[in-house]
């Protein structure tokens, strides 16, 4: 049997798999991606990129492509809870959304999953990734040195093996890798069976011309009293999401759509439909040896709130630099153990937030009673702070899992704040300087030189900036601040000579310190 060798094999060319490939490519690691489909997604599916995702995509060099992938219409969003598209509006999400520009330099994107996957695939390939479609993961076996994966080409039904140092399971909700690893899942479980009906109709006079339109319908005259109408990438094409019923005929479906739109004699054409389940499930662990779970393979959530795809992309962002650092000998393999402890707590919160949104918007009171009310939107997105992981704790500050993003602490484990520093050569904004490298902001006279020399000794990419004060980052004005490639504060201290000690901790190279 033919056998190949790669550093990283990624199973699944969805948002999670392709984002991981992109971020590995930025660090000069070229993975192999295999996908059982014939291409990336051709359906709109999930839509929208939050500012944190857009920051990551700016680093990946694909942000402008995502911004350009806006659907036809005015560059604005309609997202409301309403009686129907033409009826009474009960709540306007956009009007009541926090001002995200206070927390990030990036604005949200509005690209569909289909457009996003295509852009990711192009960028990943430009960075050296090979993508093989029509390829199925037949079986795998891991040992202490790597993972042997048997792949089947669906073009000619031939089998061959790939030996990888690491395997990324980005194979989605129905993927088998996590099951075969014996990783259990927890959560509320099954939430709702739904049917999504794609149809053509001229609704611009009632829907408006915003590029993205979502109506969460609450109406006693449709099944279960709730549904969703959402625009697509194509003018005049819509999706009506309703409770599933295997006995419903086309006439019944048409009546529901007319009620959701609010036009009894609406003329439209049904294109197709599909049924699936909403669920709330989180894997008990995101890593088993040399195999990592990302995206829907790790966390399953309903689409209410639009964070499922965002969380998948961010999985790749946070895992990519760590895996690359280990493969390049910059970090100990122990660094990879921090992926689970850093990402799984956030996945728990996001999955629950989405399910709580579903309960509110689709009148599922029994779910709401178990999961509670959705937490504040801005806090959920911008306030997450690591409790454990690849950073040096600051014992002078109380550690909380979610802090107020309007009053960021800048403590190690938290996002480096969106704040302006007065640099020696002009204003600096750390969140606009993010890249595939560590960053240091220092007041010390020899801080830049010390950081640069230390980075060379460690063989890591790092950019150091002299500033007049780091107080805007929540640190003592004269401190030195170290930031990870994913924008998380890694360490802060008074003496820049401690950067070497901090990097050993962050990169899990403490054994070198013990032997020194």
Protein backbone atom coordinates (compact mmCIF):
# COMPACT_ATOMS: atom_id res chain seq x y z
CA UNK A 1 0.00 0.00 0.00
CA UNK A 2 1.30 3.45 -0.93
CA UNK A 3 2.46 5.44 2.09
CA UNK A 4 3.21 9.15 2.50
CA UNK A 5 4.58 11.21 5.37
CA UNK A 6 3.40 14.66 6.52
CA UNK A 7 3.73 16.75 9.65
CA UNK A 8 -0.01 17.38 10.03
CA UNK A 9 -3.00 15.66 8.46
CA UNK A 10 -6.32 17.50 8.71
CA UNK A 11 -9.52 15.52 8.13
CA UNK A 12 -12.22 17.93 6.99
CA UNK A 13 -12.10 21.00 4.73
CA UNK A 14 -14.75 23.04 6.51
CA UNK A 15 -14.18 26.21 8.50
CA UNK A 16 -12.26 24.45 11.27
CA UNK A 17 -9.98 22.39 9.06
CA UNK A 18 -9.20 25.13 6.56
CA UNK A 19 -8.56 27.75 9.23
CA UNK A 20 -6.13 25.41 11.00
CA UNK A 21 -4.39 24.85 7.67
CA UNK A 22 -4.13 28.60 7.06
CA UNK A 23 -2.66 29.36 10.47
CA UNK A 24 -0.20 26.48 10.22
CA UNK A 25 0.84 27.81 6.83
CA UNK A 26 1.56 31.23 8.31
CA UNK A 27 4.12 29.50 10.52
CA UNK A 28 5.69 27.61 7.58
CA UNK A 29 4.01 24.27 8.36
CA UNK A 30 2.28 22.84 5.28
CA UNK A 31 -0.41 20.31 6.23
CA UNK A 32 -2.34 17.88 4.08
CA UNK A 33 -6.14 18.38 4.16
CA UNK A 34 -8.51 15.63 3.07
CA UNK A 35 -12.24 16.07 2.49
CA UNK A 36 -14.87 13.54 1.47
CA UNK A 37 -16.93 16.15 -0.41
CA UNK A 38 -16.16 17.13 -4.00
CA UNK A 39 -15.45 20.74 -3.04
CA UNK A 40 -15.85 23.24 -0.27
CA UNK A 41 -19.44 24.05 0.69
CA UNK A 42 -21.75 25.28 -2.07
CA UNK A 43 -24.56 26.19 0.34
CA UNK A 44 -24.63 29.45 2.37
CA UNK A 45 -25.03 27.65 5.75
CA UNK A 46 -23.62 29.75 8.60
CA UNK A 47 -23.09 33.46 7.99
CA UNK A 48 -21.10 36.19 9.67
CA UNK A 49 -17.71 36.71 11.27
CA UNK A 50 -17.37 38.45 14.62
CA UNK A 51 -14.59 41.02 15.21
CA UNK A 52 -12.37 38.51 17.03
CA UNK A 53 -12.52 36.19 14.03
CA UNK A 54 -11.81 39.10 11.71
CA UNK A 55 -8.72 39.98 13.76
CA UNK A 56 -7.49 36.41 13.24
CA UNK A 57 -8.31 36.58 9.53
CA UNK A 58 -6.40 39.86 9.27
CA UNK A 59 -3.38 37.97 10.59
CA UNK A 60 -4.02 35.21 8.03
CA UNK A 61 -4.10 37.73 5.19
CA UNK A 62 -7.67 36.90 4.18
CA UNK A 63 -9.69 39.63 5.96
CA UNK A 64 -10.25 41.76 2.87
CA UNK A 65 -11.47 38.74 0.90
CA UNK A 66 -14.04 38.05 3.63
CA UNK A 67 -15.18 41.68 3.77
CA UNK A 68 -15.50 41.64 -0.02
CA UNK A 69 -17.68 38.51 0.10
CA UNK A 70 -20.66 40.51 1.35
CA UNK A 71 -23.99 39.39 -0.18
CA UNK A 72 -25.79 41.71 -2.62
CA UNK A 73 -27.41 44.76 -1.08
CA UNK A 74 -26.60 47.57 1.30
CA UNK A 75 -23.72 46.66 3.69
CA UNK A 76 -25.92 46.39 6.76
CA UNK A 77 -27.68 43.74 8.85
CA UNK A 78 -31.30 43.23 9.76
CA UNK A 79 -31.72 40.84 12.71
CA UNK A 80 -35.04 41.00 14.53
CA UNK A 81 -37.60 38.94 16.39
CA UNK A 82 -40.91 39.55 14.66
CA UNK A 83 -44.45 38.32 14.12
CA UNK A 84 -43.62 37.89 10.42
CA UNK A 85 -41.39 39.62 7.92
CA UNK A 86 -44.14 42.17 7.38
CA UNK A 87 -45.54 42.09 10.92
CA UNK A 88 -44.78 43.56 14.31
CA UNK A 89 -41.14 43.65 15.45
CA UNK A 90 -40.70 42.45 19.03
CA UNK A 91 -36.94 42.96 19.36
CA UNK A 92 -34.16 44.41 17.20
CA UNK A 93 -30.82 42.69 17.86
CA UNK A 94 -28.77 45.19 15.88
CA UNK A 95 -30.28 48.24 17.60
CA UNK A 96 -29.59 46.68 20.98
CA UNK A 97 -26.16 45.24 20.20
CA UNK A 98 -23.18 46.63 22.12
CA UNK A 99 -20.75 48.90 20.29
CA UNK A 100 -18.13 46.33 19.30
CA UNK A 101 -15.83 49.07 17.98
CA UNK A 102 -14.91 49.77 21.61
CA UNK A 103 -13.26 46.36 21.89
CA UNK A 104 -11.72 45.59 18.50
CA UNK A 105 -10.28 47.41 15.48
CA UNK A 106 -12.19 45.09 13.13
CA UNK A 107 -15.82 45.32 12.08
CA UNK A 108 -17.94 42.17 11.70
CA UNK A 109 -17.93 40.33 8.38
CA UNK A 110 -21.05 39.09 6.61
CA UNK A 111 -19.68 36.34 4.37
CA UNK A 112 -21.52 33.01 4.12
CA UNK A 113 -19.87 29.72 4.98
CA UNK A 114 -19.67 28.88 1.28
CA UNK A 115 -17.77 32.08 0.43
CA UNK A 116 -15.62 31.81 3.54
CA UNK A 117 -14.55 28.22 2.91
CA UNK A 118 -13.61 29.10 -0.67
CA UNK A 119 -11.47 32.04 0.51
CA UNK A 120 -9.83 29.92 3.21
CA UNK A 121 -9.03 27.14 0.75
CA UNK A 122 -7.42 29.58 -1.68
CA UNK A 123 -5.33 31.19 1.05
CA UNK A 124 -4.29 27.86 2.59
CA UNK A 125 -3.18 26.57 -0.80
CA UNK A 126 -1.22 29.76 -1.41
CA UNK A 127 0.61 29.05 1.85
CA UNK A 128 1.49 25.53 0.71
CA UNK A 129 -1.41 23.38 1.92
CA UNK A 130 -2.49 20.48 -0.28
CA UNK A 131 -6.24 19.79 -0.30
CA UNK A 132 -7.53 16.45 -1.57
CA UNK A 133 -11.27 16.29 -2.16
CA UNK A 134 -13.20 13.06 -2.70
CA UNK A 135 -11.04 11.49 -0.02
CA UNK A 136 -12.41 9.56 2.94
CA UNK A 137 -10.67 8.74 6.22
CA UNK A 138 -11.10 4.98 6.45
CA UNK A 139 -9.26 4.26 9.68
CA UNK A 140 -6.41 5.51 11.84
CA UNK A 141 -4.03 4.26 14.51
CA UNK A 142 -1.81 6.37 16.70
CA UNK A 143 1.30 5.54 18.68
CA UNK A 144 3.88 7.54 20.64
CA UNK A 145 5.53 8.85 17.47
CA UNK A 146 2.59 9.69 15.21
CA UNK A 147 -0.66 8.63 13.57
CA UNK A 148 -1.07 6.25 10.65
CA UNK A 149 -4.20 7.05 8.64
CA UNK A 150 -5.70 4.92 5.89
CA UNK A 151 -7.41 7.06 3.24
CA UNK A 152 -9.75 6.02 0.47
CA UNK A 153 -9.90 7.93 -2.81
CA UNK A 154 -13.55 8.15 -3.80
CA UNK A 155 -12.46 8.75 -7.39
CA UNK A 156 -11.13 5.24 -7.95
CA UNK A 157 -11.81 3.51 -4.59
CA UNK A 158 -8.09 3.02 -3.99
CA UNK A 159 -6.57 2.88 -0.51
CA UNK A 160 -3.34 4.44 0.68
CA UNK A 161 -1.76 5.44 3.99
CA UNK A 162 -0.46 8.72 5.36
CA UNK A 163 1.85 8.80 8.34
CA UNK A 164 1.42 12.09 10.23
CA UNK A 165 3.06 13.46 13.34
CA UNK A 166 -0.31 14.97 14.32
CA UNK A 167 -3.91 14.50 13.21
CA UNK A 168 -6.59 17.23 13.31
CA UNK A 169 -10.16 15.91 13.48
CA UNK A 170 -12.19 18.61 11.76
CA UNK A 171 -14.68 16.07 10.44
CA UNK A 172 -17.82 17.72 11.80
CA UNK A 173 -20.90 16.59 13.67
CA UNK A 174 -21.09 13.22 11.95
CA UNK A 175 -17.36 12.58 11.97
CA UNK A 176 -16.16 9.28 13.35
CA UNK A 177 -12.72 10.16 14.70
CA UNK A 178 -13.84 11.32 18.15
CA UNK A 179 -16.17 8.32 18.43
CA UNK A 180 -13.41 5.87 17.58
CA UNK A 181 -11.17 7.57 20.12
CA UNK A 182 -13.85 6.88 22.72
CA UNK A 183 -14.34 10.55 23.57
CA UNK A 184 -17.74 11.09 25.14
CA UNK A 185 -19.82 14.25 24.84
CA UNK A 186 -21.91 16.11 27.37
CA UNK A 187 -24.51 18.88 27.29
CA UNK A 188 -28.24 19.27 26.91
CA UNK A 189 -28.13 17.00 23.87
CA UNK A 190 -30.90 17.02 21.28
CA UNK A 191 -32.73 20.36 21.10
CA UNK A 192 -34.96 20.39 18.06
CA UNK A 193 -35.55 18.79 14.65
CA UNK A 194 -35.84 21.42 11.92
CA UNK A 195 -36.40 21.65 8.18
CA UNK A 196 -34.66 24.32 6.11
CA UNK A 197 -36.52 25.20 2.90
CA UNK A 198 -34.74 27.18 0.20
CA UNK A 199 -37.07 29.22 -1.98
CA UNK A 200 -37.15 32.04 -4.51
CA UNK A 201 -39.31 35.11 -3.94
CA UNK A 202 -39.15 38.83 -4.61
CA UNK A 203 -39.22 40.20 -1.07
CA UNK A 204 -37.18 43.39 -1.41
CA UNK A 205 -40.24 45.59 -0.85
CA UNK A 206 -40.87 44.01 2.56
CA UNK A 207 -37.41 42.79 3.57
CA UNK A 208 -35.45 45.86 2.54
CA UNK A 209 -32.12 45.86 0.77
CA UNK A 210 -29.72 45.08 3.62
CA UNK A 211 -27.12 42.49 2.63
CA UNK A 212 -27.97 40.25 5.57
CA UNK A 213 -31.56 39.76 6.76
CA UNK A 214 -32.68 37.47 9.58
CA UNK A 215 -36.20 37.35 11.00
CA UNK A 216 -36.77 35.12 14.03
CA UNK A 217 -40.49 34.56 13.64
CA UNK A 218 -42.71 34.14 16.70
CA UNK A 219 -46.21 33.39 15.49
CA UNK A 220 -48.80 30.96 16.91
CA UNK A 221 -49.93 30.09 13.37
CA UNK A 222 -46.73 28.19 12.47
CA UNK A 223 -45.54 24.86 13.96
CA UNK A 224 -44.26 25.25 17.53
CA UNK A 225 -44.98 28.96 17.18
CA UNK A 226 -41.52 29.86 15.88
CA UNK A 227 -39.25 29.75 12.80
CA UNK A 228 -36.57 31.72 10.99
CA UNK A 229 -36.36 33.54 7.65
CA UNK A 230 -32.86 34.32 6.40
CA UNK A 231 -31.38 35.78 3.22
CA UNK A 232 -28.68 34.03 1.16
CA UNK A 233 -25.86 35.00 -1.19
CA UNK A 234 -28.30 35.32 -4.08
CA UNK A 235 -30.83 38.06 -4.78
CA UNK A 236 -34.35 36.77 -4.31
CA UNK A 237 -33.28 33.51 -2.66
CA UNK A 238 -34.28 32.79 0.94
CA UNK A 239 -34.26 30.02 3.53
CA UNK A 240 -37.23 29.34 5.79
CA UNK A 241 -36.29 27.32 8.85
CA UNK A 242 -39.23 25.58 10.56
CA UNK A 243 -39.92 22.71 12.93
CA UNK A 244 -39.54 19.38 11.13
CA UNK A 245 -42.52 17.19 10.37
CA UNK A 246 -42.04 14.10 8.15
CA UNK A 247 -45.77 14.06 7.36
CA UNK A 248 -45.93 17.66 6.13
CA UNK A 249 -46.68 17.98 2.39
CA UNK A 250 -45.60 20.79 0.07
CA UNK A 251 -48.90 22.61 0.47
CA UNK A 252 -48.35 22.69 4.22
CA UNK A 253 -44.81 24.00 3.75
CA UNK A 254 -46.02 26.71 1.41
CA UNK A 255 -48.64 27.84 3.92
CA UNK A 256 -46.02 28.12 6.65
CA UNK A 257 -43.73 30.22 4.43
CA UNK A 258 -46.57 32.58 3.52
CA UNK A 259 -47.40 32.99 7.21
CA UNK A 260 -43.74 33.63 8.08
CA UNK A 261 -43.46 36.28 5.36
CA UNK A 262 -46.87 37.70 6.22
CA UNK A 263 -48.23 37.76 2.66
CA UNK A 264 -51.13 35.27 2.24
CA UNK A 265 -50.94 35.24 -1.56
CA UNK A 266 -47.13 35.32 -1.85
CA UNK A 267 -45.85 33.94 -5.16
CA UNK A 268 -42.67 31.89 -4.69
CA UNK A 269 -40.83 28.77 -5.85
CA UNK A 270 -39.39 26.12 -3.54
CA UNK A 271 -35.91 25.05 -4.68
CA UNK A 272 -35.08 22.31 -2.18
CA UNK A 273 -35.19 21.42 1.50
CA UNK A 274 -33.21 19.50 4.09
CA UNK A 275 -33.91 18.36 7.63
CA UNK A 276 -31.46 18.09 10.52
CA UNK A 277 -31.24 18.34 14.30
CA UNK A 278 -30.13 21.13 16.59
CA UNK A 279 -28.04 19.94 19.53
CA UNK A 280 -25.97 21.19 22.46
CA UNK A 281 -22.94 18.92 22.89
CA UNK A 282 -19.34 19.43 23.94
CA UNK A 283 -16.63 16.79 23.77
CA UNK A 284 -15.29 15.77 27.18
CA UNK A 285 -11.80 16.51 25.89
CA UNK A 286 -10.38 18.13 22.78
CA UNK A 287 -7.17 16.10 22.63
CA UNK A 288 -6.25 12.44 22.72
CA UNK A 289 -2.52 11.96 22.34
CA UNK A 290 -1.51 13.34 18.95
CA UNK A 291 -5.08 13.88 17.78
CA UNK A 292 -6.98 17.15 18.26
CA UNK A 293 -10.68 17.93 17.83
CA UNK A 294 -11.72 21.22 16.26
CA UNK A 295 -14.98 22.82 15.14
CA UNK A 296 -18.16 20.75 15.21
CA UNK A 297 -16.16 17.63 16.02
CA UNK A 298 -15.43 19.28 19.38
CA UNK A 299 -18.53 21.40 20.04
CA UNK A 300 -22.02 21.32 18.53
CA UNK A 301 -24.44 24.21 18.96
CA UNK A 302 -27.56 25.60 17.28
CA UNK A 303 -26.99 28.54 14.89
CA UNK A 304 -28.86 31.15 16.95
CA UNK A 305 -26.26 33.85 17.47
CA UNK A 306 -23.88 32.95 14.66
CA UNK A 307 -20.93 31.85 16.83
CA UNK A 308 -20.56 28.22 15.72
CA UNK A 309 -18.49 28.99 12.64
CA UNK A 310 -16.59 31.70 14.50
CA UNK A 311 -15.62 29.29 17.26
CA UNK A 312 -14.44 26.78 14.66
CA UNK A 313 -12.19 29.36 13.00
CA UNK A 314 -10.80 30.48 16.34
CA UNK A 315 -9.98 26.86 17.23
CA UNK A 316 -7.62 26.85 14.27
CA UNK A 317 -6.15 30.22 15.25
CA UNK A 318 -5.34 29.17 18.81
CA UNK A 319 -4.11 25.69 17.89
CA UNK A 320 -2.10 26.65 14.80
CA UNK A 321 0.72 28.60 16.41
CA UNK A 322 1.15 26.05 19.20
CA UNK A 323 1.35 23.08 16.86
CA UNK A 324 3.79 24.94 14.63
CA UNK A 325 5.99 25.89 17.60
CA UNK A 326 6.22 22.25 18.67
CA UNK A 327 6.92 20.98 15.16
CA UNK A 328 9.67 23.57 14.70
CA UNK A 329 11.31 22.70 18.02
CA UNK A 330 10.51 26.09 19.56
CA UNK A 331 8.27 24.59 22.25
CA UNK A 332 7.92 21.40 24.23
CA UNK A 333 5.11 19.03 23.17
CA UNK A 334 3.56 19.85 26.56
CA UNK A 335 2.43 23.14 25.02
CA UNK A 336 -0.17 21.19 23.06
CA UNK A 337 -1.84 20.10 26.30
CA UNK A 338 -2.90 23.72 26.80
CA UNK A 339 -5.21 23.60 23.76
CA UNK A 340 -7.85 21.66 25.68
CA UNK A 341 -7.62 23.66 28.92
CA UNK A 342 -7.83 26.96 27.04
CA UNK A 343 -10.45 26.22 24.38
CA UNK A 344 -12.87 23.81 26.03
CA UNK A 345 -14.10 26.21 28.76
CA UNK A 346 -14.88 28.80 26.10
CA UNK A 347 -16.67 26.24 23.93
CA UNK A 348 -18.84 25.33 26.93
CA UNK A 349 -19.95 28.94 27.29
CA UNK A 350 -20.52 29.63 23.60
CA UNK A 351 -22.53 26.44 23.07
CA UNK A 352 -24.72 27.30 26.04
CA UNK A 353 -25.09 30.91 24.89
CA UNK A 354 -26.29 29.80 21.47
CA UNK A 355 -28.71 27.26 22.95
CA UNK A 356 -30.05 29.87 25.39
CA UNK A 357 -30.61 32.19 22.42
CA UNK A 358 -32.52 29.40 20.70
CA UNK A 359 -34.72 28.96 23.75
CA UNK A 360 -35.56 32.67 23.79
CA UNK A 361 -36.07 33.17 20.07
CA UNK A 362 -37.99 29.94 19.38
CA UNK A 363 -40.03 29.77 22.57
CA UNK A 364 -38.42 26.65 23.98
CA UNK A 365 -39.15 27.33 27.63
CA UNK A 366 -38.01 23.95 28.89
CA UNK A 367 -34.54 24.51 27.41
CA UNK A 368 -34.38 28.04 28.83
CA UNK A 369 -35.21 26.75 32.32
CA UNK A 370 -32.19 24.40 32.19
CA UNK A 371 -29.66 26.66 30.46
CA UNK A 372 -30.75 30.04 31.80
CA UNK A 373 -30.61 33.41 30.08
CA UNK A 374 -27.91 34.21 27.51
CA UNK A 375 -24.97 36.06 29.03
CA UNK A 376 -24.08 39.55 27.84
CA UNK A 377 -23.04 39.44 24.17
CA UNK A 378 -19.96 41.66 24.49
CA UNK A 379 -18.73 39.89 27.62
CA UNK A 380 -19.12 36.49 25.98
CA UNK A 381 -17.08 37.53 22.94
CA UNK A 382 -14.46 39.90 24.33
CA UNK A 383 -14.30 39.15 28.04
CA UNK A 384 -13.07 35.53 28.06
CA UNK A 385 -9.93 35.17 30.14
CA UNK A 386 -7.91 31.97 30.48
CA UNK A 387 -7.83 30.41 33.93
CA UNK A 388 -5.07 27.93 33.02
CA UNK A 389 -2.79 27.56 30.04
CA UNK A 390 0.29 28.88 28.30
CA UNK A 391 0.92 32.05 30.28
CA UNK A 392 2.60 33.24 33.47
CA UNK A 393 -0.08 34.12 36.05
CA UNK A 394 -0.05 37.51 37.74
CA UNK A 395 -0.95 36.76 41.34
CA UNK A 396 -1.64 40.43 42.08
CA UNK A 397 -4.86 40.31 40.03
CA UNK A 398 -7.87 38.12 40.74
CA UNK A 399 -8.43 35.66 37.91
CA UNK A 400 -11.96 35.48 36.54
CA UNK A 401 -13.15 33.50 33.52
CA UNK A 402 -15.04 36.49 32.09
CA UNK A 403 -14.14 40.09 32.77
CA UNK A 404 -15.85 43.31 31.75
CA UNK A 405 -14.48 44.10 28.28
CA UNK A 406 -15.13 47.80 28.90
CA UNK A 407 -12.65 47.63 31.81
CA UNK A 408 -10.04 45.08 30.69
CA UNK A 409 -7.39 44.04 33.20
CA UNK A 410 -4.79 43.04 30.63
CA UNK A 411 -3.73 40.30 33.02
CA UNK A 412 -1.84 37.31 31.63
CA UNK A 413 -4.40 34.95 30.16
CA UNK A 414 -6.66 37.78 28.94
CA UNK A 415 -6.87 39.48 25.55
CA UNK A 416 -4.36 42.25 25.13
CA UNK A 417 -6.66 45.30 25.39
CA UNK A 418 -7.74 47.40 22.45
CA UNK A 419 -5.88 50.49 23.64
CA UNK A 420 -3.42 52.96 22.18
CA UNK A 421 0.15 53.17 23.43
CA UNK A 422 2.54 56.04 22.94
CA UNK A 423 5.46 54.41 21.21
CA UNK A 424 8.91 55.89 20.84
CA UNK A 425 8.21 56.26 17.10
CA UNK A 426 4.52 57.17 17.27
CA UNK A 427 1.17 55.71 18.38
CA UNK A 428 0.86 51.92 18.65
CA UNK A 429 -2.25 49.76 18.87
CA UNK A 430 -1.38 46.18 19.89
CA UNK A 431 -4.49 44.61 18.38
CA UNK A 432 -3.66 46.07 14.96
CA UNK A 433 -0.09 44.73 15.21
CA UNK A 434 -1.07 41.07 15.69
CA UNK A 435 0.77 38.61 13.48
CA UNK A 436 2.38 35.15 13.45
CA UNK A 437 4.84 36.24 16.13
CA UNK A 438 5.13 37.13 19.81
CA UNK A 439 5.09 40.83 20.73
CA UNK A 440 6.78 42.75 23.52
CA UNK A 441 5.86 46.25 24.69
CA UNK A 442 8.46 47.69 27.02
CA UNK A 443 9.37 50.91 28.77
CA UNK A 444 12.83 49.77 29.85
CA UNK A 445 15.78 51.38 28.09
CA UNK A 446 17.22 48.02 27.11
CA UNK A 447 13.84 46.26 26.82
CA UNK A 448 13.65 46.07 23.02
CA UNK A 449 17.22 44.83 22.71
CA UNK A 450 16.73 42.29 25.49
CA UNK A 451 13.52 40.95 23.97
CA UNK A 452 15.00 40.71 20.48
CA UNK A 453 18.11 38.90 21.71
CA UNK A 454 16.06 36.49 23.78
CA UNK A 455 13.81 35.68 20.82
CA UNK A 456 16.86 34.84 18.71
CA UNK A 457 18.14 32.56 21.47
CA UNK A 458 14.78 30.78 21.54
CA UNK A 459 14.46 30.68 17.76
CA UNK A 460 11.01 32.27 17.82
CA UNK A 461 9.55 35.15 15.79
CA UNK A 462 9.06 38.24 17.96
CA UNK A 463 8.54 41.96 17.46
CA UNK A 464 9.50 44.34 20.25
CA UNK A 465 8.24 47.90 20.64
CA UNK A 466 9.52 50.64 22.91
CA UNK A 467 6.74 52.63 24.57
CA UNK A 468 6.48 55.43 27.12
CA UNK A 469 3.94 53.57 29.29
CA UNK A 470 2.04 50.30 29.25
CA UNK A 471 -0.61 51.57 31.67
CA UNK A 472 -3.28 51.46 28.88
CA UNK A 473 -2.75 47.69 28.86
CA UNK A 474 -3.65 47.44 32.54
CA UNK A 475 -0.04 46.97 33.66
CA UNK A 476 2.20 49.13 35.80
CA UNK A 477 3.33 52.07 33.65
CA UNK A 478 6.97 50.91 33.69
CA UNK A 479 6.33 47.21 33.13
CA UNK A 480 7.18 45.02 30.16
CA UNK A 481 4.34 43.06 28.51
CA UNK A 482 4.69 39.87 26.44
CA UNK A 483 1.84 38.94 24.05
CA UNK A 484 1.32 35.56 22.37
CA UNK A 485 0.79 35.16 18.60
CA UNK A 486 -2.97 34.79 19.24
CA UNK A 487 -3.24 38.15 21.04
CA UNK A 488 -3.35 36.74 24.59
CA UNK A 489 -1.18 38.41 27.22
CA UNK A 490 1.48 35.87 28.18
CA UNK A 491 3.43 37.70 30.89
CA UNK A 492 4.05 41.10 32.39
CA UNK A 493 6.79 42.12 34.79
CA UNK A 494 9.09 44.86 35.98
CA UNK A 495 12.35 43.42 34.68
CA UNK A 496 12.76 42.72 30.93
CA UNK A 497 15.51 40.24 31.73
CA UNK A 498 12.71 37.95 32.95
CA UNK A 499 11.40 37.56 29.38
CA UNK A 500 13.54 34.43 28.94
CA UNK A 501 12.07 32.84 32.05
CA UNK A 502 8.55 33.80 30.90
CA UNK A 503 9.05 32.32 27.44
CA UNK A 504 10.26 29.05 28.94
CA UNK A 505 7.01 28.87 30.90
CA UNK A 506 4.79 29.86 27.97
CA UNK A 507 6.50 27.40 25.62
CA UNK A 508 6.53 24.71 28.31
CA UNK A 509 10.32 24.58 28.33
CA UNK A 510 10.67 24.76 32.12
CA UNK A 511 12.88 21.66 32.10
CA UNK A 512 15.60 23.78 30.47
CA UNK A 513 15.34 26.17 33.40
CA UNK A 514 15.66 23.33 35.88
CA UNK A 515 18.79 22.09 34.10
CA UNK A 516 20.36 25.56 33.80
